[in-house]
Amino acid sequence: MPQILNWQKSSFSGNQANCVEIASDGELIHIRESDDPAAIISTTKAKLAAWLQGAKAGEFDHFTH
């Protein structure tokens, strides 16, 4: 039986189904879009922390411009 995850929606998500959600099962972090909940990206806490550090430093800003 699959584990039920407690999904948390980003406060920066828009009102038009642009919602990013995140959950943890203790070992992995899972990320999905609320309008396509079957498509889930899973990663470790360390890898997500490294990615977030890069995002905060602006390393991925060129993708949104």
PDB file of N, CA and C in Angstrom:
ATOM      1  N   MET A   1       0.841  -1.179   0.000  1.00  0.00           N
ATOM      2  CA  MET A   1       0.000   0.000   0.000  1.00  0.00           C
ATOM      3  C   MET A   1       0.890   1.248   0.000  1.00  0.00           C
ATOM      4  N   PRO A   2       0.658   2.208  -0.918  1.00  0.00           N
ATOM      5  CA  PRO A   2       1.479   3.418  -0.977  1.00  0.00           C
ATOM      6  C   PRO A   2       1.282   4.285   0.265  1.00  0.00           C
ATOM      7  N   GLN A   3       2.362   4.936   0.650  1.00  0.00           N
ATOM      8  CA  GLN A   3       2.306   5.824   1.802  1.00  0.00           C
ATOM      9  C   GLN A   3       1.539   7.091   1.445  1.00  0.00           C
ATOM     10  N   ILE A   4       0.710   7.569   2.370  1.00  0.00           N
ATOM     11  CA  ILE A   4      -0.008   8.821   2.167  1.00  0.00           C
ATOM     12  C   ILE A   4       0.894   9.951   2.622  1.00  0.00           C
ATOM     13  N   LEU A   5       1.130  10.912   1.732  1.00  0.00           N
ATOM     14  CA  LEU A   5       2.010  12.031   2.033  1.00  0.00           C
ATOM     15  C   LEU A   5       1.199  13.264   2.381  1.00  0.00           C
ATOM     16  N   ASN A   6       1.742  14.092   3.235  1.00  0.00           N
ATOM     17  CA  ASN A   6       1.120  15.348   3.633  1.00  0.00           C
ATOM     18  C   ASN A   6       1.689  16.453   2.730  1.00  0.00           C
ATOM     19  N   TRP A   7       1.001  16.758   1.640  1.00  0.00           N
ATOM     20  CA  TRP A   7       1.470  17.729   0.664  1.00  0.00           C
ATOM     21  C   TRP A   7       1.235  19.151   1.167  1.00  0.00           C
ATOM     22  N   GLN A   8       2.242  20.004   0.983  1.00  0.00           N
ATOM     23  CA  GLN A   8       2.170  21.413   1.376  1.00  0.00           C
ATOM     24  C   GLN A   8       2.308  22.269   0.120  1.00  0.00           C
ATOM     25  N   LYS A   9       1.347  23.178  -0.085  1.00  0.00           N
ATOM     26  CA  LYS A   9       1.364  24.050  -1.256  1.00  0.00           C
ATOM     27  C   LYS A   9       2.231  25.272  -0.971  1.00  0.00           C
ATOM     28  N   SER A  10       2.993  25.701  -1.962  1.00  0.00           N
ATOM     29  CA  SER A  10       3.810  26.905  -1.827  1.00  0.00           C
ATOM     30  C   SER A  10       2.936  28.141  -1.680  1.00  0.00           C
ATOM     31  N   SER A  11       3.320  29.028  -0.785  1.00  0.00           N
ATOM     32  CA  SER A  11       2.571  30.277  -0.613  1.00  0.00           C
ATOM     33  C   SER A  11       2.763  31.197  -1.817  1.00  0.00           C
ATOM     34  N   PHE A  12       3.745  30.917  -2.680  1.00  0.00           N
ATOM     35  CA  PHE A  12       3.980  31.713  -3.872  1.00  0.00           C
ATOM     36  C   PHE A  12       3.202  31.201  -5.076  1.00  0.00           C
ATOM     37  N   SER A  13       2.469  30.111  -4.911  1.00  0.00           N
ATOM     38  CA  SER A  13       1.671  29.562  -6.009  1.00  0.00           C
ATOM     39  C   SER A  13       0.560  30.529  -6.382  1.00  0.00           C
ATOM     40  N   GLY A  14       0.244  30.585  -7.660  1.00  0.00           N
ATOM     41  CA  GLY A  14      -0.808  31.470  -8.136  1.00  0.00           C
ATOM     42  C   GLY A  14      -2.192  30.912  -7.891  1.00  0.00           C
ATOM     43  N   ASN A  15      -3.192  31.727  -8.172  1.00  0.00           N
ATOM     44  CA  ASN A  15      -4.584  31.314  -8.006  1.00  0.00           C
ATOM     45  C   ASN A  15      -5.130  30.588  -9.226  1.00  0.00           C
ATOM     46  N   GLN A  16      -4.311  30.386 -10.249  1.00  0.00           N
ATOM     47  CA  GLN A  16      -4.790  29.806 -11.506  1.00  0.00           C
ATOM     48  C   GLN A  16      -4.150  28.446 -11.764  1.00  0.00           C
ATOM     49  N   ALA A  17      -4.127  27.591 -10.750  1.00  0.00           N
ATOM     50  CA  ALA A  17      -3.620  26.217 -10.851  1.00  0.00           C
ATOM     51  C   ALA A  17      -2.121  26.147 -11.082  1.00  0.00           C
ATOM     52  N   ASN A  18      -1.380  27.189 -10.747  1.00  0.00           N
ATOM     53  CA  ASN A  18       0.075  27.167 -10.845  1.00  0.00           C
ATOM     54  C   ASN A  18       0.669  26.801  -9.488  1.00  0.00           C
ATOM     55  N   CYS A  19       0.221  25.699  -8.942  1.00  0.00           N
ATOM     56  CA  CYS A  19       0.581  25.339  -7.574  1.00  0.00           C
ATOM     57  C   CYS A  19       1.684  24.282  -7.548  1.00  0.00           C
ATOM     58  N   VAL A  20       2.728  24.577  -6.824  1.00  0.00           N
ATOM     59  CA  VAL A  20       3.794  23.623  -6.575  1.00  0.00           C
ATOM     60  C   VAL A  20       3.605  23.100  -5.161  1.00  0.00           C
ATOM     61  N   GLU A  21       3.692  21.775  -5.004  1.00  0.00           N
ATOM     62  CA  GLU A  21       3.494  21.154  -3.704  1.00  0.00           C
ATOM     63  C   GLU A  21       4.718  20.318  -3.338  1.00  0.00           C
ATOM     64  N   ILE A  22       4.982  20.192  -2.036  1.00  0.00           N
ATOM     65  CA  ILE A  22       6.133  19.435  -1.571  1.00  0.00           C
ATOM     66  C   ILE A  22       5.725  18.589  -0.373  1.00  0.00           C
ATOM     67  N   ALA A  23       6.329  17.421  -0.253  1.00  0.00           N
ATOM     68  CA  ALA A  23       6.058  16.521   0.868  1.00  0.00           C
ATOM     69  C   ALA A  23       7.327  15.724   1.156  1.00  0.00           C
ATOM     70  N   SER A  24       7.387  15.156   2.342  1.00  0.00           N
ATOM     71  CA  SER A  24       8.529  14.330   2.736  1.00  0.00           C
ATOM     72  C   SER A  24       8.023  13.031   3.334  1.00  0.00           C
ATOM     73  N   ASP A  25       8.751  11.956   3.069  1.00  0.00           N
ATOM     74  CA  ASP A  25       8.421  10.676   3.698  1.00  0.00           C
ATOM     75  C   ASP A  25       9.471  10.303   4.749  1.00  0.00           C
ATOM     76  N   GLY A  26      10.299  11.276   5.112  1.00  0.00           N
ATOM     77  CA  GLY A  26      11.348  11.044   6.098  1.00  0.00           C
ATOM     78  C   GLY A  26      12.709  10.847   5.456  1.00  0.00           C
ATOM     79  N   GLU A  27      12.761  10.166   4.331  1.00  0.00           N
ATOM     80  CA  GLU A  27      14.022   9.932   3.634  1.00  0.00           C
ATOM     81  C   GLU A  27      14.146  10.785   2.383  1.00  0.00           C
ATOM     82  N   LEU A  28      13.061  10.945   1.664  1.00  0.00           N
ATOM     83  CA  LEU A  28      13.079  11.681   0.402  1.00  0.00           C
ATOM     84  C   LEU A  28      12.132  12.867   0.459  1.00  0.00           C
ATOM     85  N   ILE A  29      12.411  13.858  -0.374  1.00  0.00           N
ATOM     86  CA  ILE A  29      11.538  15.000  -0.592  1.00  0.00           C
ATOM     87  C   ILE A  29      10.857  14.773  -1.932  1.00  0.00           C
ATOM     88  N   HIS A  30       9.552  15.012  -2.002  1.00  0.00           N
ATOM     89  CA  HIS A  30       8.774  14.805  -3.224  1.00  0.00           C
ATOM     90  C   HIS A  30       8.160  16.141  -3.632  1.00  0.00           C
ATOM     91  N   ILE A  31       8.245  16.460  -4.920  1.00  0.00           N
ATOM     92  CA  ILE A  31       7.737  17.726  -5.464  1.00  0.00           C
ATOM     93  C   ILE A  31       6.812  17.399  -6.621  1.00  0.00           C
ATOM     94  N   ARG A  32       5.674  18.117  -6.684  1.00  0.00           N
ATOM     95  CA  ARG A  32       4.724  17.894  -7.780  1.00  0.00           C
ATOM     96  C   ARG A  32       3.981  19.194  -8.090  1.00  0.00           C
ATOM     97  N   GLU A  33       3.306  19.197  -9.231  1.00  0.00           N
ATOM     98  CA  GLU A  33       2.385  20.273  -9.592  1.00  0.00           C
ATOM     99  C   GLU A  33       0.984  19.797  -9.224  1.00  0.00           C
ATOM    100  N   SER A  34       0.184  20.684  -8.635  1.00  0.00           N
ATOM    101  CA  SER A  34      -1.144  20.259  -8.191  1.00  0.00           C
ATOM    102  C   SER A  34      -2.061  19.879  -9.352  1.00  0.00           C
ATOM    103  N   ASP A  35      -1.829  20.447 -10.543  1.00  0.00           N
ATOM    104  CA  ASP A  35      -2.692  20.111 -11.672  1.00  0.00           C
ATOM    105  C   ASP A  35      -2.272  18.814 -12.371  1.00  0.00           C
ATOM    106  N   ASP A  36      -1.138  18.226 -11.979  1.00  0.00           N
ATOM    107  CA  ASP A  36      -0.686  16.939 -12.507  1.00  0.00           C
ATOM    108  C   ASP A  36      -0.049  16.142 -11.361  1.00  0.00           C
ATOM    109  N   PRO A  37      -0.853  15.730 -10.377  1.00  0.00           N
ATOM    110  CA  PRO A  37      -0.295  15.116  -9.172  1.00  0.00           C
ATOM    111  C   PRO A  37       0.385  13.765  -9.383  1.00  0.00           C
ATOM    112  N   ALA A  38       0.203  13.145 -10.523  1.00  0.00           N
ATOM    113  CA  ALA A  38       0.851  11.857 -10.769  1.00  0.00           C
ATOM    114  C   ALA A  38       2.324  12.023 -11.136  1.00  0.00           C
ATOM    115  N   ALA A  39       2.709  13.200 -11.617  1.00  0.00           N
ATOM    116  CA  ALA A  39       4.100  13.466 -11.998  1.00  0.00           C
ATOM    117  C   ALA A  39       4.834  14.030 -10.782  1.00  0.00           C
ATOM    118  N   ILE A  40       5.650  13.188 -10.170  1.00  0.00           N
ATOM    119  CA  ILE A  40       6.345  13.555  -8.938  1.00  0.00           C
ATOM    120  C   ILE A  40       7.849  13.440  -9.150  1.00  0.00           C
ATOM    121  N   ILE A  41       8.568  14.460  -8.702  1.00  0.00           N
ATOM    122  CA  ILE A  41      10.027  14.429  -8.682  1.00  0.00           C
ATOM    123  C   ILE A  41      10.438  14.122  -7.245  1.00  0.00           C
ATOM    124  N   SER A  42      11.296  13.142  -7.052  1.00  0.00           N
ATOM    125  CA  SER A  42      11.767  12.780  -5.721  1.00  0.00           C
ATOM    126  C   SER A  42      13.274  12.960  -5.657  1.00  0.00           C
ATOM    127  N   THR A  43      13.756  13.480  -4.534  1.00  0.00           N
ATOM    128  CA  THR A  43      15.178  13.723  -4.356  1.00  0.00           C
ATOM    129  C   THR A  43      15.519  13.632  -2.869  1.00  0.00           C
ATOM    130  N   THR A  44      16.796  13.683  -2.574  1.00  0.00           N
ATOM    131  CA  THR A  44      17.224  13.650  -1.177  1.00  0.00           C
ATOM    132  C   THR A  44      17.190  15.060  -0.595  1.00  0.00           C
ATOM    133  N   LYS A  45      17.196  15.140   0.728  1.00  0.00           N
ATOM    134  CA  LYS A  45      17.218  16.441   1.393  1.00  0.00           C
ATOM    135  C   LYS A  45      18.482  17.210   1.036  1.00  0.00           C
ATOM    136  N   ALA A  46      19.620  16.541   0.962  1.00  0.00           N
ATOM    137  CA  ALA A  46      20.889  17.203   0.647  1.00  0.00           C
ATOM    138  C   ALA A  46      20.877  17.774  -0.773  1.00  0.00           C
ATOM    139  N   LYS A  47      20.353  17.028  -1.729  1.00  0.00           N
ATOM    140  CA  LYS A  47      20.305  17.511  -3.112  1.00  0.00           C
ATOM    141  C   LYS A  47      19.330  18.671  -3.253  1.00  0.00           C
ATOM    142  N   LEU A  48      18.195  18.607  -2.562  1.00  0.00           N
ATOM    143  CA  LEU A  48      17.251  19.717  -2.617  1.00  0.00           C
ATOM    144  C   LEU A  48      17.859  20.955  -1.967  1.00  0.00           C
ATOM    145  N   ALA A  49      18.556  20.793  -0.858  1.00  0.00           N
ATOM    146  CA  ALA A  49      19.197  21.929  -0.190  1.00  0.00           C
ATOM    147  C   ALA A  49      20.223  22.590  -1.105  1.00  0.00           C
ATOM    148  N   ALA A  50      21.001  21.800  -1.842  1.00  0.00           N
ATOM    149  CA  ALA A  50      21.984  22.352  -2.777  1.00  0.00           C
ATOM    150  C   ALA A  50      21.294  23.100  -3.907  1.00  0.00           C
ATOM    151  N   TRP A  51      20.199  22.547  -4.415  1.00  0.00           N
ATOM    152  CA  TRP A  51      19.460  23.217  -5.487  1.00  0.00           C
ATOM    153  C   TRP A  51      18.866  24.524  -4.996  1.00  0.00           C
ATOM    154  N   LEU A  52      18.275  24.520  -3.797  1.00  0.00           N
ATOM    155  CA  LEU A  52      17.692  25.740  -3.239  1.00  0.00           C
ATOM    156  C   LEU A  52      18.756  26.814  -3.023  1.00  0.00           C
ATOM    157  N   GLN A  53      19.923  26.409  -2.576  1.00  0.00           N
ATOM    158  CA  GLN A  53      21.016  27.370  -2.396  1.00  0.00           C
ATOM    159  C   GLN A  53      21.367  28.020  -3.731  1.00  0.00           C
ATOM    160  N   GLY A  54      21.433  27.239  -4.789  1.00  0.00           N
ATOM    161  CA  GLY A  54      21.704  27.785  -6.120  1.00  0.00           C
ATOM    162  C   GLY A  54      20.579  28.690  -6.601  1.00  0.00           C
ATOM    163  N   ALA A  55      19.334  28.298  -6.329  1.00  0.00           N
ATOM    164  CA  ALA A  55      18.194  29.124  -6.738  1.00  0.00           C
ATOM    165  C   ALA A  55      18.207  30.461  -6.007  1.00  0.00           C
ATOM    166  N   LYS A  56      18.486  30.433  -4.723  1.00  0.00           N
ATOM    167  CA  LYS A  56      18.551  31.668  -3.948  1.00  0.00           C
ATOM    168  C   LYS A  56      19.675  32.574  -4.426  1.00  0.00           C
ATOM    169  N   ALA A  57      20.738  31.992  -4.967  1.00  0.00           N
ATOM    170  CA  ALA A  57      21.871  32.759  -5.475  1.00  0.00           C
ATOM    171  C   ALA A  57      21.632  33.256  -6.903  1.00  0.00           C
ATOM    172  N   GLY A  58      20.477  32.895  -7.492  1.00  0.00           N
ATOM    173  CA  GLY A  58      20.130  33.373  -8.826  1.00  0.00           C
ATOM    174  C   GLY A  58      20.648  32.530  -9.975  1.00  0.00           C
ATOM    175  N   GLU A  59      21.166  31.339  -9.691  1.00  0.00           N
ATOM    176  CA  GLU A  59      21.755  30.502 -10.739  1.00  0.00           C
ATOM    177  C   GLU A  59      20.756  30.060 -11.814  1.00  0.00           C
ATOM    178  N   PHE A  60      19.469  30.092 -11.509  1.00  0.00           N
ATOM    179  CA  PHE A  60      18.470  29.595 -12.454  1.00  0.00           C
ATOM    180  C   PHE A  60      17.542  30.696 -12.956  1.00  0.00           C
ATOM    181  N   ASP A  61      17.846  31.944 -12.636  1.00  0.00           N
ATOM    182  CA  ASP A  61      16.987  33.049 -13.022  1.00  0.00           C
ATOM    183  C   ASP A  61      16.768  33.151 -14.528  1.00  0.00           C
ATOM    184  N   HIS A  62      17.748  32.745 -15.313  1.00  0.00           N
ATOM    185  CA  HIS A  62      17.626  32.845 -16.778  1.00  0.00           C
ATOM    186  C   HIS A  62      16.506  31.956 -17.321  1.00  0.00           C
ATOM    187  N   PHE A  63      16.049  30.973 -16.560  1.00  0.00           N
ATOM    188  CA  PHE A  63      14.950  30.118 -17.013  1.00  0.00           C
ATOM    189  C   PHE A  63      13.603  30.831 -16.927  1.00  0.00           C
ATOM    190  N   THR A  64      13.512  31.873 -16.117  1.00  0.00           N
ATOM    191  CA  THR A  64      12.220  32.547 -15.903  1.00  0.00           C
ATOM    192  C   THR A  64      12.136  33.896 -16.593  1.00  0.00           C
ATOM    193  N   HIS A  65      13.114  34.252 -17.357  1.00  0.00           N
ATOM    194  CA  HIS A  65      13.098  35.551 -18.057  1.00  0.00           C
ATOM    195  C   HIS A  65      12.924  35.374 -19.544  1.00  0.00           C
TER     196      HIS A  65
END
